[in-house]
Amino acid sequence: MCYNCGCEMPDDEMGNPKAITNKTFEEAAKGAGQTPEEAKKNTLNLLKKVLKEK
């Protein structure tokens, strides 16, 4: 659940199936025809943009 709670364990959903994990990025990347790394980079770029606007 690392990506949204800050626990720094990116593969552990800690019992919450809605948590953002590495598996989330793998599934999203597969659906978009990307690598998980590309999906993470695109997410990071968008987050930087969105957070800068606030």
N, C-alpha and C. Protein backbone atom coordinates (compact mmCIF):
# COMPACT_ATOMS: atom_id res chain seq x y z
N MET A 1 0.83 -1.18 0.00
CA MET A 1 0.00 0.00 0.00
C MET A 1 0.87 1.24 0.00
N CYS A 2 2.11 1.11 -0.23
CA CYS A 2 3.09 2.18 -0.14
C CYS A 2 2.74 3.44 -0.92
N TYR A 3 2.20 3.27 -2.09
CA TYR A 3 2.01 4.45 -2.93
C TYR A 3 0.97 5.42 -2.39
N ASN A 4 0.07 4.98 -1.55
CA ASN A 4 -0.89 5.93 -1.03
C ASN A 4 -0.90 6.08 0.49
N CYS A 5 -0.18 5.22 1.23
CA CYS A 5 -0.18 5.42 2.68
C CYS A 5 1.19 5.82 3.22
N GLY A 6 2.24 5.57 2.43
CA GLY A 6 3.56 5.96 2.87
C GLY A 6 4.30 4.92 3.69
N CYS A 7 3.82 3.70 3.70
CA CYS A 7 4.47 2.66 4.49
C CYS A 7 5.78 2.17 3.87
N GLU A 8 6.02 2.53 2.64
CA GLU A 8 7.22 2.16 1.90
C GLU A 8 7.33 0.65 1.65
N MET A 9 6.18 0.00 1.50
CA MET A 9 6.14 -1.43 1.13
C MET A 9 5.24 -1.54 -0.12
N PRO A 10 5.81 -1.30 -1.29
CA PRO A 10 5.01 -1.18 -2.51
C PRO A 10 4.30 -2.44 -2.99
N ASP A 11 4.57 -3.58 -2.37
CA ASP A 11 3.90 -4.82 -2.79
C ASP A 11 2.90 -5.32 -1.76
N ASP A 12 2.70 -4.59 -0.68
CA ASP A 12 1.83 -5.04 0.41
C ASP A 12 0.58 -4.18 0.46
N GLU A 13 -0.56 -4.78 0.13
CA GLU A 13 -1.82 -4.02 0.16
C GLU A 13 -2.40 -3.92 1.57
N MET A 14 -1.80 -4.61 2.51
CA MET A 14 -2.20 -4.58 3.92
C MET A 14 -3.68 -4.84 4.14
N GLY A 15 -4.23 -5.77 3.37
CA GLY A 15 -5.63 -6.12 3.52
C GLY A 15 -6.61 -5.19 2.83
N ASN A 16 -6.12 -4.19 2.15
CA ASN A 16 -6.99 -3.25 1.45
C ASN A 16 -6.83 -3.44 -0.06
N PRO A 17 -7.76 -4.13 -0.70
CA PRO A 17 -7.63 -4.40 -2.14
C PRO A 17 -7.67 -3.15 -3.02
N LYS A 18 -8.07 -2.03 -2.46
CA LYS A 18 -8.11 -0.78 -3.23
C LYS A 18 -6.81 0.01 -3.12
N ALA A 19 -5.87 -0.47 -2.34
CA ALA A 19 -4.59 0.20 -2.17
C ALA A 19 -3.81 0.19 -3.48
N ILE A 20 -2.98 1.19 -3.67
CA ILE A 20 -2.15 1.28 -4.87
C ILE A 20 -0.83 0.58 -4.60
N THR A 21 -0.59 -0.50 -5.35
CA THR A 21 0.63 -1.28 -5.18
C THR A 21 1.34 -1.42 -6.53
N ASN A 22 2.46 -2.10 -6.53
CA ASN A 22 3.14 -2.37 -7.79
C ASN A 22 2.25 -3.17 -8.73
N LYS A 23 1.42 -4.04 -8.17
CA LYS A 23 0.49 -4.82 -8.99
C LYS A 23 -0.49 -3.88 -9.71
N THR A 24 -0.91 -2.82 -9.07
CA THR A 24 -1.79 -1.83 -9.69
C THR A 24 -1.14 -1.27 -10.95
N PHE A 25 0.12 -0.90 -10.82
CA PHE A 25 0.84 -0.34 -11.97
C PHE A 25 1.04 -1.40 -13.05
N GLU A 26 1.30 -2.64 -12.65
CA GLU A 26 1.48 -3.71 -13.64
C GLU A 26 0.21 -3.93 -14.45
N GLU A 27 -0.93 -3.96 -13.78
CA GLU A 27 -2.20 -4.17 -14.46
C GLU A 27 -2.56 -2.99 -15.36
N ALA A 28 -2.36 -1.78 -14.87
CA ALA A 28 -2.66 -0.59 -15.66
C ALA A 28 -1.76 -0.52 -16.89
N ALA A 29 -0.49 -0.84 -16.70
CA ALA A 29 0.47 -0.80 -17.80
C ALA A 29 0.10 -1.83 -18.87
N LYS A 30 -0.26 -3.01 -18.44
CA LYS A 30 -0.64 -4.07 -19.37
C LYS A 30 -1.84 -3.62 -20.21
N GLY A 31 -2.82 -2.99 -19.58
CA GLY A 31 -4.01 -2.51 -20.26
C GLY A 31 -3.72 -1.40 -21.26
N ALA A 32 -2.66 -0.67 -21.03
CA ALA A 32 -2.30 0.46 -21.89
C ALA A 32 -1.17 0.11 -22.86
N GLY A 33 -0.70 -1.13 -22.82
CA GLY A 33 0.40 -1.52 -23.69
C GLY A 33 1.72 -0.85 -23.33
N GLN A 34 1.95 -0.69 -22.03
CA GLN A 34 3.16 -0.04 -21.52
C GLN A 34 3.90 -1.00 -20.60
N THR A 35 5.08 -0.59 -20.20
CA THR A 35 5.77 -1.29 -19.13
C THR A 35 5.32 -0.66 -17.81
N PRO A 36 5.45 -1.37 -16.71
CA PRO A 36 5.11 -0.77 -15.42
C PRO A 36 5.95 0.49 -15.15
N GLU A 37 7.19 0.49 -15.61
CA GLU A 37 8.05 1.66 -15.40
C GLU A 37 7.49 2.88 -16.15
N GLU A 38 7.01 2.66 -17.38
CA GLU A 38 6.41 3.76 -18.14
C GLU A 38 5.17 4.29 -17.44
N ALA A 39 4.36 3.39 -16.93
CA ALA A 39 3.15 3.80 -16.22
C ALA A 39 3.49 4.62 -14.98
N LYS A 40 4.53 4.21 -14.26
CA LYS A 40 4.95 4.95 -13.07
C LYS A 40 5.50 6.32 -13.44
N LYS A 41 6.30 6.38 -14.50
CA LYS A 41 6.85 7.68 -14.94
C LYS A 41 5.73 8.62 -15.36
N ASN A 42 4.75 8.10 -16.11
CA ASN A 42 3.64 8.95 -16.54
C ASN A 42 2.83 9.43 -15.34
N THR A 43 2.65 8.54 -14.38
CA THR A 43 1.93 8.91 -13.15
C THR A 43 2.69 9.99 -12.39
N LEU A 44 3.98 9.81 -12.26
CA LEU A 44 4.82 10.79 -11.56
C LEU A 44 4.74 12.15 -12.24
N ASN A 45 4.85 12.16 -13.55
CA ASN A 45 4.79 13.43 -14.29
C ASN A 45 3.46 14.14 -14.06
N LEU A 46 2.37 13.38 -14.10
CA LEU A 46 1.06 13.98 -13.88
C LEU A 46 0.92 14.47 -12.44
N LEU A 47 1.39 13.68 -11.48
CA LEU A 47 1.31 14.10 -10.08
C LEU A 47 2.08 15.39 -9.83
N LYS A 48 3.26 15.50 -10.42
CA LYS A 48 4.04 16.73 -10.27
C LYS A 48 3.25 17.93 -10.80
N LYS A 49 2.63 17.73 -11.95
CA LYS A 49 1.84 18.80 -12.57
C LYS A 49 0.64 19.18 -11.71
N VAL A 50 -0.09 18.18 -11.26
CA VAL A 50 -1.29 18.41 -10.45
C VAL A 50 -0.94 19.05 -9.11
N LEU A 51 0.09 18.57 -8.45
CA LEU A 51 0.46 19.11 -7.16
C LEU A 51 1.03 20.51 -7.25
N LYS A 52 1.66 20.83 -8.36
CA LYS A 52 2.21 22.17 -8.57
C LYS A 52 1.09 23.19 -8.72
N GLU A 53 -0.03 22.76 -9.31
CA GLU A 53 -1.16 23.65 -9.55
C GLU A 53 -1.85 24.07 -8.27
N LYS A 54 -1.74 23.26 -7.22
CA LYS A 54 -2.45 23.58 -5.97
C LYS A 54 -1.70 24.50 -5.09
